[in-house]
Amino acid sequence: MLLLLSPWTPVASAQVSDGARLASDHGCLNCHCAGSKSSPTLESLTKKAADQRDGTDAVQHLLDEMHEKSAVTSHRRVSDPSALAILRWMAQGAH
């Protein structure tokens, strides 16, 4: 089930603050680290997310892109609520 939350709801804010922890827990930096040649870096993904954050469907679009890459085993292991929290964290600059 896909959980869509407004970026202004308290639950979404809590999830955004968990984004860094979730990215670490799911091993996102294992593939998306600085200097990666096989995957986009967290820095480039964060820039892309931040550039799109003004669009109403930007985070959903990024989630859809992640689903398109479902051949990546680790992408399939991340629940939609966790992925959305990570993407929202990235859209806010991954601080």
PDB file of N, CA and C in Angstrom:
ATOM      1  N   MET A   1       0.841  -1.165   0.000  1.00  0.00           N
ATOM      2  CA  MET A   1       0.000   0.000   0.000  1.00  0.00           C
ATOM      3  C   MET A   1       0.890   1.233   0.000  1.00  0.00           C
ATOM      4  N   LEU A   2       0.567   2.190  -0.835  1.00  0.00           N
ATOM      5  CA  LEU A   2       1.318   3.424  -0.937  1.00  0.00           C
ATOM      6  C   LEU A   2       0.733   4.437   0.015  1.00  0.00           C
ATOM      7  N   LEU A   3       1.567   5.034   0.839  1.00  0.00           N
ATOM      8  CA  LEU A   3       1.144   6.008   1.819  1.00  0.00           C
ATOM      9  C   LEU A   3       1.592   7.372   1.346  1.00  0.00           C
ATOM     10  N   LEU A   4       0.640   8.226   0.993  1.00  0.00           N
ATOM     11  CA  LEU A   4       0.966   9.575   0.561  1.00  0.00           C
ATOM     12  C   LEU A   4       0.653  10.536   1.681  1.00  0.00           C
ATOM     13  N   LEU A   5       1.627  11.335   2.043  1.00  0.00           N
ATOM     14  CA  LEU A   5       1.456  12.300   3.110  1.00  0.00           C
ATOM     15  C   LEU A   5       1.855  13.672   2.612  1.00  0.00           C
ATOM     16  N   SER A   6       1.144  14.676   3.044  1.00  0.00           N
ATOM     17  CA  SER A   6       1.536  16.039   2.756  1.00  0.00           C
ATOM     18  C   SER A   6       2.838  16.318   3.488  1.00  0.00           C
ATOM     19  N   PRO A   7       3.744  17.085   2.885  1.00  0.00           N
ATOM     20  CA  PRO A   7       4.993  17.381   3.586  1.00  0.00           C
ATOM     21  C   PRO A   7       4.772  18.214   4.840  1.00  0.00           C
ATOM     22  N   TRP A   8       3.556  18.676   5.063  1.00  0.00           N
ATOM     23  CA  TRP A   8       3.283  19.539   6.210  1.00  0.00           C
ATOM     24  C   TRP A   8       2.611  18.820   7.355  1.00  0.00           C
ATOM     25  N   THR A   9       2.343  17.535   7.221  1.00  0.00           N
ATOM     26  CA  THR A   9       1.703  16.812   8.315  1.00  0.00           C
ATOM     27  C   THR A   9       2.728  16.400   9.348  1.00  0.00           C
ATOM     28  N   PRO A  10       2.339  16.296  10.644  1.00  0.00           N
ATOM     29  CA  PRO A  10       3.297  15.895  11.681  1.00  0.00           C
ATOM     30  C   PRO A  10       3.931  14.538  11.406  1.00  0.00           C
ATOM     31  N   VAL A  11       3.156  13.598  10.876  1.00  0.00           N
ATOM     32  CA  VAL A  11       3.713  12.273  10.589  1.00  0.00           C
ATOM     33  C   VAL A  11       4.795  12.387   9.533  1.00  0.00           C
ATOM     34  N   ALA A  12       4.548  13.184   8.497  1.00  0.00           N
ATOM     35  CA  ALA A  12       5.550  13.356   7.449  1.00  0.00           C
ATOM     36  C   ALA A  12       6.803  13.991   8.022  1.00  0.00           C
ATOM     37  N   SER A  13       6.655  14.973   8.907  1.00  0.00           N
ATOM     38  CA  SER A  13       7.821  15.610   9.516  1.00  0.00           C
ATOM     39  C   SER A  13       8.634  14.604  10.302  1.00  0.00           C
ATOM     40  N   ALA A  14       7.969  13.748  11.045  1.00  0.00           N
ATOM     41  CA  ALA A  14       8.683  12.712  11.800  1.00  0.00           C
ATOM     42  C   ALA A  14       9.395  11.775  10.838  1.00  0.00           C
ATOM     43  N   GLN A  15       8.750  11.423   9.741  1.00  0.00           N
ATOM     44  CA  GLN A  15       9.382  10.522   8.783  1.00  0.00           C
ATOM     45  C   GLN A  15      10.582  11.173   8.117  1.00  0.00           C
ATOM     46  N   VAL A  16      10.477  12.475   7.822  1.00  0.00           N
ATOM     47  CA  VAL A  16      11.598  13.168   7.206  1.00  0.00           C
ATOM     48  C   VAL A  16      12.793  13.148   8.144  1.00  0.00           C
ATOM     49  N   SER A  17      12.561  13.379   9.441  1.00  0.00           N
ATOM     50  CA  SER A  17      13.678  13.374  10.382  1.00  0.00           C
ATOM     51  C   SER A  17      14.295  11.986  10.500  1.00  0.00           C
ATOM     52  N   ASP A  18      13.569  10.970  10.134  1.00  0.00           N
ATOM     53  CA  ASP A  18      14.079   9.606  10.151  1.00  0.00           C
ATOM     54  C   ASP A  18      14.781   9.235   8.843  1.00  0.00           C
ATOM     55  N   GLY A  19      14.746  10.112   7.863  1.00  0.00           N
ATOM     56  CA  GLY A  19      15.292   9.796   6.552  1.00  0.00           C
ATOM     57  C   GLY A  19      16.745   9.365   6.572  1.00  0.00           C
ATOM     58  N   ALA A  20      17.577  10.083   7.318  1.00  0.00           N
ATOM     59  CA  ALA A  20      18.999   9.735   7.385  1.00  0.00           C
ATOM     60  C   ALA A  20      19.187   8.369   8.022  1.00  0.00           C
ATOM     61  N   ARG A  21      18.451   8.115   9.094  1.00  0.00           N
ATOM     62  CA  ARG A  21      18.553   6.816   9.770  1.00  0.00           C
ATOM     63  C   ARG A  21      18.087   5.703   8.846  1.00  0.00           C
ATOM     64  N   LEU A  22      16.982   5.931   8.159  1.00  0.00           N
ATOM     65  CA  LEU A  22      16.459   4.914   7.246  1.00  0.00           C
ATOM     66  C   LEU A  22      17.420   4.659   6.082  1.00  0.00           C
ATOM     67  N   ALA A  23      18.015   5.718   5.552  1.00  0.00           N
ATOM     68  CA  ALA A  23      18.986   5.549   4.464  1.00  0.00           C
ATOM     69  C   ALA A  23      20.164   4.706   4.934  1.00  0.00           C
ATOM     70  N   SER A  24      20.581   4.942   6.165  1.00  0.00           N
ATOM     71  CA  SER A  24      21.665   4.147   6.735  1.00  0.00           C
ATOM     72  C   SER A  24      21.219   2.706   6.982  1.00  0.00           C
ATOM     73  N   ASP A  25      20.045   2.548   7.590  1.00  0.00           N
ATOM     74  CA  ASP A  25      19.532   1.207   7.901  1.00  0.00           C
ATOM     75  C   ASP A  25      19.344   0.354   6.652  1.00  0.00           C
ATOM     76  N   HIS A  26      18.919   0.976   5.554  1.00  0.00           N
ATOM     77  CA  HIS A  26      18.656   0.230   4.317  1.00  0.00           C
ATOM     78  C   HIS A  26      19.900   0.113   3.433  1.00  0.00           C
ATOM     79  N   GLY A  27      21.009   0.679   3.881  1.00  0.00           N
ATOM     80  CA  GLY A  27      22.258   0.537   3.127  1.00  0.00           C
ATOM     81  C   GLY A  27      22.331   1.361   1.857  1.00  0.00           C
ATOM     82  N   CYS A  28      21.580   2.446   1.805  1.00  0.00           N
ATOM     83  CA  CYS A  28      21.562   3.265   0.589  1.00  0.00           C
ATOM     84  C   CYS A  28      22.959   3.733   0.186  1.00  0.00           C
ATOM     85  N   LEU A  29      23.772   4.066   1.200  1.00  0.00           N
ATOM     86  CA  LEU A  29      25.108   4.577   0.891  1.00  0.00           C
ATOM     87  C   LEU A  29      26.073   3.491   0.446  1.00  0.00           C
ATOM     88  N   ASN A  30      25.695   2.241   0.602  1.00  0.00           N
ATOM     89  CA  ASN A  30      26.550   1.164   0.100  1.00  0.00           C
ATOM     90  C   ASN A  30      26.724   1.278  -1.411  1.00  0.00           C
ATOM     91  N   CYS A  31      25.666   1.673  -2.100  1.00  0.00           N
ATOM     92  CA  CYS A  31      25.730   1.810  -3.561  1.00  0.00           C
ATOM     93  C   CYS A  31      25.803   3.265  -4.006  1.00  0.00           C
ATOM     94  N   HIS A  32      25.205   4.164  -3.228  1.00  0.00           N
ATOM     95  CA  HIS A  32      25.096   5.562  -3.642  1.00  0.00           C
ATOM     96  C   HIS A  32      26.102   6.450  -2.916  1.00  0.00           C
ATOM     97  N   CYS A  33      27.312   5.926  -2.678  1.00  0.00           N
ATOM     98  CA  CYS A  33      28.353   6.676  -1.974  1.00  0.00           C
ATOM     99  C   CYS A  33      29.073   7.615  -2.944  1.00  0.00           C
ATOM    100  N   ALA A  34      29.810   8.569  -2.366  1.00  0.00           N
ATOM    101  CA  ALA A  34      30.619   9.474  -3.183  1.00  0.00           C
ATOM    102  C   ALA A  34      31.614   8.644  -3.988  1.00  0.00           C
ATOM    103  N   GLY A  35      31.777   8.996  -5.232  1.00  0.00           N
ATOM    104  CA  GLY A  35      32.729   8.291  -6.078  1.00  0.00           C
ATOM    105  C   GLY A  35      32.186   7.041  -6.742  1.00  0.00           C
ATOM    106  N   SER A  36      30.908   6.730  -6.509  1.00  0.00           N
ATOM    107  CA  SER A  36      30.316   5.550  -7.128  1.00  0.00           C
ATOM    108  C   SER A  36      30.293   5.715  -8.640  1.00  0.00           C
ATOM    109  N   LYS A  37      30.696   4.687  -9.327  1.00  0.00           N
ATOM    110  CA  LYS A  37      30.666   4.717 -10.782  1.00  0.00           C
ATOM    111  C   LYS A  37      29.513   3.892 -11.348  1.00  0.00           C
ATOM    112  N   SER A  38      28.905   3.048 -10.508  1.00  0.00           N
ATOM    113  CA  SER A  38      27.843   2.173 -10.997  1.00  0.00           C
ATOM    114  C   SER A  38      26.445   2.676 -10.641  1.00  0.00           C
ATOM    115  N   SER A  39      26.361   3.606  -9.695  1.00  0.00           N
ATOM    116  CA  SER A  39      25.064   4.136  -9.252  1.00  0.00           C
ATOM    117  C   SER A  39      25.180   5.638  -9.082  1.00  0.00           C
ATOM    118  N   PRO A  40      24.058   6.364  -9.227  1.00  0.00           N
ATOM    119  CA  PRO A  40      24.127   7.795  -8.939  1.00  0.00           C
ATOM    120  C   PRO A  40      24.481   8.004  -7.465  1.00  0.00           C
ATOM    121  N   THR A  41      25.260   9.023  -7.184  1.00  0.00           N
ATOM    122  CA  THR A  41      25.667   9.292  -5.803  1.00  0.00           C
ATOM    123  C   THR A  41      24.518   9.919  -5.021  1.00  0.00           C
ATOM    124  N   LEU A  42      24.581   9.803  -3.696  1.00  0.00           N
ATOM    125  CA  LEU A  42      23.576  10.441  -2.845  1.00  0.00           C
ATOM    126  C   LEU A  42      23.547  11.938  -3.121  1.00  0.00           C
ATOM    127  N   GLU A  43      24.717  12.521  -3.350  1.00  0.00           N
ATOM    128  CA  GLU A  43      24.788  13.950  -3.643  1.00  0.00           C
ATOM    129  C   GLU A  43      23.990  14.303  -4.900  1.00  0.00           C
ATOM    130  N   SER A  44      24.167  13.534  -5.968  1.00  0.00           N
ATOM    131  CA  SER A  44      23.438  13.832  -7.210  1.00  0.00           C
ATOM    132  C   SER A  44      21.954  13.544  -7.059  1.00  0.00           C
ATOM    133  N   LEU A  45      21.606  12.493  -6.325  1.00  0.00           N
ATOM    134  CA  LEU A  45      20.189  12.186  -6.087  1.00  0.00           C
ATOM    135  C   LEU A  45      19.539  13.254  -5.212  1.00  0.00           C
ATOM    136  N   THR A  46      20.275  13.740  -4.220  1.00  0.00           N
ATOM    137  CA  THR A  46      19.760  14.793  -3.343  1.00  0.00           C
ATOM    138  C   THR A  46      19.528  16.068  -4.135  1.00  0.00           C
ATOM    139  N   LYS A  47      20.462  16.403  -5.016  1.00  0.00           N
ATOM    140  CA  LYS A  47      20.284  17.590  -5.860  1.00  0.00           C
ATOM    141  C   LYS A  47      19.051  17.437  -6.730  1.00  0.00           C
ATOM    142  N   LYS A  48      18.867  16.278  -7.307  1.00  0.00           N
ATOM    143  CA  LYS A  48      17.697  16.027  -8.151  1.00  0.00           C
ATOM    144  C   LYS A  48      16.415  16.156  -7.334  1.00  0.00           C
ATOM    145  N   ALA A  49      16.399  15.583  -6.137  1.00  0.00           N
ATOM    146  CA  ALA A  49      15.218  15.655  -5.271  1.00  0.00           C
ATOM    147  C   ALA A  49      14.948  17.094  -4.849  1.00  0.00           C
ATOM    148  N   ALA A  50      16.005  17.830  -4.495  1.00  0.00           N
ATOM    149  CA  ALA A  50      15.841  19.220  -4.065  1.00  0.00           C
ATOM    150  C   ALA A  50      15.351  20.087  -5.221  1.00  0.00           C
ATOM    151  N   ASP A  51      15.842  19.830  -6.426  1.00  0.00           N
ATOM    152  CA  ASP A  51      15.404  20.593  -7.600  1.00  0.00           C
ATOM    153  C   ASP A  51      13.930  20.370  -7.898  1.00  0.00           C
ATOM    154  N   GLN A  52      13.407  19.206  -7.534  1.00  0.00           N
ATOM    155  CA  GLN A  52      12.020  18.861  -7.842  1.00  0.00           C
ATOM    156  C   GLN A  52      11.062  19.091  -6.680  1.00  0.00           C
ATOM    157  N   ARG A  53      11.548  19.501  -5.527  1.00  0.00           N
ATOM    158  CA  ARG A  53      10.700  19.519  -4.338  1.00  0.00           C
ATOM    159  C   ARG A  53       9.537  20.491  -4.417  1.00  0.00           C
ATOM    160  N   ASP A  54       9.594  21.482  -5.320  1.00  0.00           N
ATOM    161  CA  ASP A  54       8.492  22.431  -5.422  1.00  0.00           C
ATOM    162  C   ASP A  54       7.297  21.843  -6.155  1.00  0.00           C
ATOM    163  N   GLY A  55       7.496  20.801  -6.933  1.00  0.00           N
ATOM    164  CA  GLY A  55       6.395  20.170  -7.639  1.00  0.00           C
ATOM    165  C   GLY A  55       5.557  19.330  -6.690  1.00  0.00           C
ATOM    166  N   THR A  56       4.249  19.347  -6.877  1.00  0.00           N
ATOM    167  CA  THR A  56       3.364  18.622  -5.962  1.00  0.00           C
ATOM    168  C   THR A  56       3.569  17.121  -6.032  1.00  0.00           C
ATOM    169  N   ASP A  57       3.999  16.629  -7.172  1.00  0.00           N
ATOM    170  CA  ASP A  57       4.163  15.187  -7.346  1.00  0.00           C
ATOM    171  C   ASP A  57       5.632  14.771  -7.380  1.00  0.00           C
ATOM    172  N   ALA A  58       6.538  15.646  -6.955  1.00  0.00           N
ATOM    173  CA  ALA A  58       7.963  15.377  -7.113  1.00  0.00           C
ATOM    174  C   ALA A  58       8.419  14.151  -6.343  1.00  0.00           C
ATOM    175  N   VAL A  59       8.038  14.051  -5.078  1.00  0.00           N
ATOM    176  CA  VAL A  59       8.480  12.913  -4.268  1.00  0.00           C
ATOM    177  C   VAL A  59       7.872  11.626  -4.811  1.00  0.00           C
ATOM    178  N   GLN A  60       6.614  11.687  -5.212  1.00  0.00           N
ATOM    179  CA  GLN A  60       5.971  10.513  -5.803  1.00  0.00           C
ATOM    180  C   GLN A  60       6.683  10.118  -7.094  1.00  0.00           C
ATOM    181  N   HIS A  61       7.088  11.094  -7.885  1.00  0.00           N
ATOM    182  CA  HIS A  61       7.817  10.811  -9.129  1.00  0.00           C
ATOM    183  C   HIS A  61       9.138  10.090  -8.827  1.00  0.00           C
ATOM    184  N   LEU A  62       9.837  10.559  -7.795  1.00  0.00           N
ATOM    185  CA  LEU A  62      11.097   9.907  -7.419  1.00  0.00           C
ATOM    186  C   LEU A  62      10.858   8.479  -6.937  1.00  0.00           C
ATOM    187  N   LEU A  63       9.767   8.269  -6.201  1.00  0.00           N
ATOM    188  CA  LEU A  63       9.425   6.912  -5.767  1.00  0.00           C
ATOM    189  C   LEU A  63       9.121   6.038  -6.981  1.00  0.00           C
ATOM    190  N   ASP A  64       8.395   6.583  -7.941  1.00  0.00           N
ATOM    191  CA  ASP A  64       8.096   5.832  -9.169  1.00  0.00           C
ATOM    192  C   ASP A  64       9.386   5.466  -9.905  1.00  0.00           C
ATOM    193  N   GLU A  65      10.350   6.386  -9.944  1.00  0.00           N
ATOM    194  CA  GLU A  65      11.634   6.077 -10.579  1.00  0.00           C
ATOM    195  C   GLU A  65      12.342   4.944  -9.848  1.00  0.00           C
ATOM    196  N   MET A  66      12.250   4.971  -8.522  1.00  0.00           N
ATOM    197  CA  MET A  66      12.876   3.907  -7.737  1.00  0.00           C
ATOM    198  C   MET A  66      12.204   2.569  -8.046  1.00  0.00           C
ATOM    199  N   HIS A  67      10.891   2.570  -8.180  1.00  0.00           N
ATOM    200  CA  HIS A  67      10.167   1.337  -8.516  1.00  0.00           C
ATOM    201  C   HIS A  67      10.552   0.833  -9.904  1.00  0.00           C
ATOM    202  N   GLU A  68      10.824   1.755 -10.832  1.00  0.00           N
ATOM    203  CA  GLU A  68      11.237   1.358 -12.179  1.00  0.00           C
ATOM    204  C   GLU A  68      12.557   0.593 -12.138  1.00  0.00           C
ATOM    205  N   LYS A  69      13.329   0.851 -11.134  1.00  0.00           N
ATOM    206  CA  LYS A  69      14.615   0.177 -10.980  1.00  0.00           C
ATOM    207  C   LYS A  69      14.472  -1.000 -10.016  1.00  0.00           C
ATOM    208  N   SER A  70      13.333  -1.663 -10.082  1.00  0.00           N
ATOM    209  CA  SER A  70      13.036  -2.757  -9.151  1.00  0.00           C
ATOM    210  C   SER A  70      13.954  -3.964  -9.336  1.00  0.00           C
ATOM    211  N   ALA A  71      14.700  -3.988 -10.429  1.00  0.00           N
ATOM    212  CA  ALA A  71      15.673  -5.071 -10.601  1.00  0.00           C
ATOM    213  C   ALA A  71      16.780  -4.962  -9.551  1.00  0.00           C
ATOM    214  N   VAL A  72      16.920  -3.777  -8.964  1.00  0.00           N
ATOM    215  CA  VAL A  72      17.895  -3.584  -7.894  1.00  0.00           C
ATOM    216  C   VAL A  72      17.286  -4.198  -6.628  1.00  0.00           C
ATOM    217  N   THR A  73      17.854  -5.298  -6.180  1.00  0.00           N
ATOM    218  CA  THR A  73      17.297  -6.059  -5.063  1.00  0.00           C
ATOM    219  C   THR A  73      17.047  -5.191  -3.843  1.00  0.00           C
ATOM    220  N   SER A  74      17.988  -4.330  -3.504  1.00  0.00           N
ATOM    221  CA  SER A  74      17.819  -3.508  -2.303  1.00  0.00           C
ATOM    222  C   SER A  74      16.661  -2.534  -2.436  1.00  0.00           C
ATOM    223  N   HIS A  75      16.334  -2.086  -3.642  1.00  0.00           N
ATOM    224  CA  HIS A  75      15.179  -1.206  -3.830  1.00  0.00           C
ATOM    225  C   HIS A  75      13.890  -1.939  -3.466  1.00  0.00           C
ATOM    226  N   ARG A  76      13.819  -3.211  -3.786  1.00  0.00           N
ATOM    227  CA  ARG A  76      12.609  -3.989  -3.505  1.00  0.00           C
ATOM    228  C   ARG A  76      12.417  -4.204  -2.011  1.00  0.00           C
ATOM    229  N   ARG A  77      13.475  -4.121  -1.238  1.00  0.00           N
ATOM    230  CA  ARG A  77      13.399  -4.366   0.208  1.00  0.00           C
ATOM    231  C   ARG A  77      12.922  -3.150   0.999  1.00  0.00           C
ATOM    232  N   VAL A  78      12.881  -1.988   0.387  1.00  0.00           N
ATOM    233  CA  VAL A  78      12.498  -0.759   1.084  1.00  0.00           C
ATOM    234  C   VAL A  78      10.999  -0.553   0.920  1.00  0.00           C
ATOM    235  N   SER A  79      10.289  -0.450   2.043  1.00  0.00           N
ATOM    236  CA  SER A  79       8.840  -0.206   1.980  1.00  0.00           C
ATOM    237  C   SER A  79       8.584   1.191   1.423  1.00  0.00           C
ATOM    238  N   ASP A  80       7.402   1.399   0.867  1.00  0.00           N
ATOM    239  CA  ASP A  80       7.055   2.720   0.342  1.00  0.00           C
ATOM    240  C   ASP A  80       7.129   3.798   1.423  1.00  0.00           C
ATOM    241  N   PRO A  81       6.613   3.583   2.641  1.00  0.00           N
ATOM    242  CA  PRO A  81       6.728   4.637   3.663  1.00  0.00           C
ATOM    243  C   PRO A  81       8.191   4.973   3.984  1.00  0.00           C
ATOM    244  N   SER A  82       9.055   3.974   4.049  1.00  0.00           N
ATOM    245  CA  SER A  82      10.481   4.247   4.302  1.00  0.00           C
ATOM    246  C   SER A  82      11.106   4.978   3.125  1.00  0.00           C
ATOM    247  N   ALA A  83      10.807   4.532   1.913  1.00  0.00           N
ATOM    248  CA  ALA A  83      11.356   5.187   0.727  1.00  0.00           C
ATOM    249  C   ALA A  83      10.901   6.637   0.660  1.00  0.00           C
ATOM    250  N   LEU A  84       9.636   6.892   0.956  1.00  0.00           N
ATOM    251  CA  LEU A  84       9.133   8.266   0.935  1.00  0.00           C
ATOM    252  C   LEU A  84       9.836   9.123   1.980  1.00  0.00           C
ATOM    253  N   ALA A  85      10.092   8.583   3.149  1.00  0.00           N
ATOM    254  CA  ALA A  85      10.806   9.334   4.190  1.00  0.00           C
ATOM    255  C   ALA A  85      12.228   9.665   3.728  1.00  0.00           C
ATOM    256  N   ILE A  86      12.883   8.709   3.112  1.00  0.00           N
ATOM    257  CA  ILE A  86      14.239   8.939   2.606  1.00  0.00           C
ATOM    258  C   ILE A  86      14.217   9.998   1.505  1.00  0.00           C
ATOM    259  N   LEU A  87      13.262   9.899   0.594  1.00  0.00           N
ATOM    260  CA  LEU A  87      13.162  10.851  -0.508  1.00  0.00           C
ATOM    261  C   LEU A  87      12.832  12.252  -0.001  1.00  0.00           C
ATOM    262  N   ARG A  88      11.968  12.357   0.989  1.00  0.00           N
ATOM    263  CA  ARG A  88      11.656  13.678   1.570  1.00  0.00           C
ATOM    264  C   ARG A  88      12.895  14.267   2.249  1.00  0.00           C
ATOM    265  N   TRP A  89      13.643  13.429   2.952  1.00  0.00           N
ATOM    266  CA  TRP A  89      14.896  13.875   3.575  1.00  0.00           C
ATOM    267  C   TRP A  89      15.859  14.393   2.514  1.00  0.00           C
ATOM    268  N   MET A  90      15.949  13.669   1.418  1.00  0.00           N
ATOM    269  CA  MET A  90      16.807  14.087   0.331  1.00  0.00           C
ATOM    270  C   MET A  90      16.327  15.406  -0.279  1.00  0.00           C
ATOM    271  N   ALA A  91      15.013  15.544  -0.452  1.00  0.00           N
ATOM    272  CA  ALA A  91      14.445  16.766  -1.030  1.00  0.00           C
ATOM    273  C   ALA A  91      14.719  17.979  -0.149  1.00  0.00           C
ATOM    274  N   GLN A  92      14.945  17.746   1.131  1.00  0.00           N
ATOM    275  CA  GLN A  92      15.261  18.851   2.039  1.00  0.00           C
ATOM    276  C   GLN A  92      16.777  19.047   2.185  1.00  0.00           C
ATOM    277  N   GLY A  93      17.544  18.404   1.338  1.00  0.00           N
ATOM    278  CA  GLY A  93      18.985  18.599   1.327  1.00  0.00           C
ATOM    279  C   GLY A  93      19.777  17.543   2.056  1.00  0.00           C
ATOM    280  N   ALA A  94      19.101  16.495   2.548  1.00  0.00           N
ATOM    281  CA  ALA A  94      19.769  15.375   3.232  1.00  0.00           C
ATOM    282  C   ALA A  94      20.646  15.856   4.374  1.00  0.00           C
ATOM    283  N   HIS A  95      20.087  16.715   5.211  1.00  0.00           N
ATOM    284  CA  HIS A  95      20.831  17.243   6.379  1.00  0.00           C
ATOM    285  C   HIS A  95      20.649  16.330   7.569  1.00  0.00           C
TER     286      HIS A  95
END
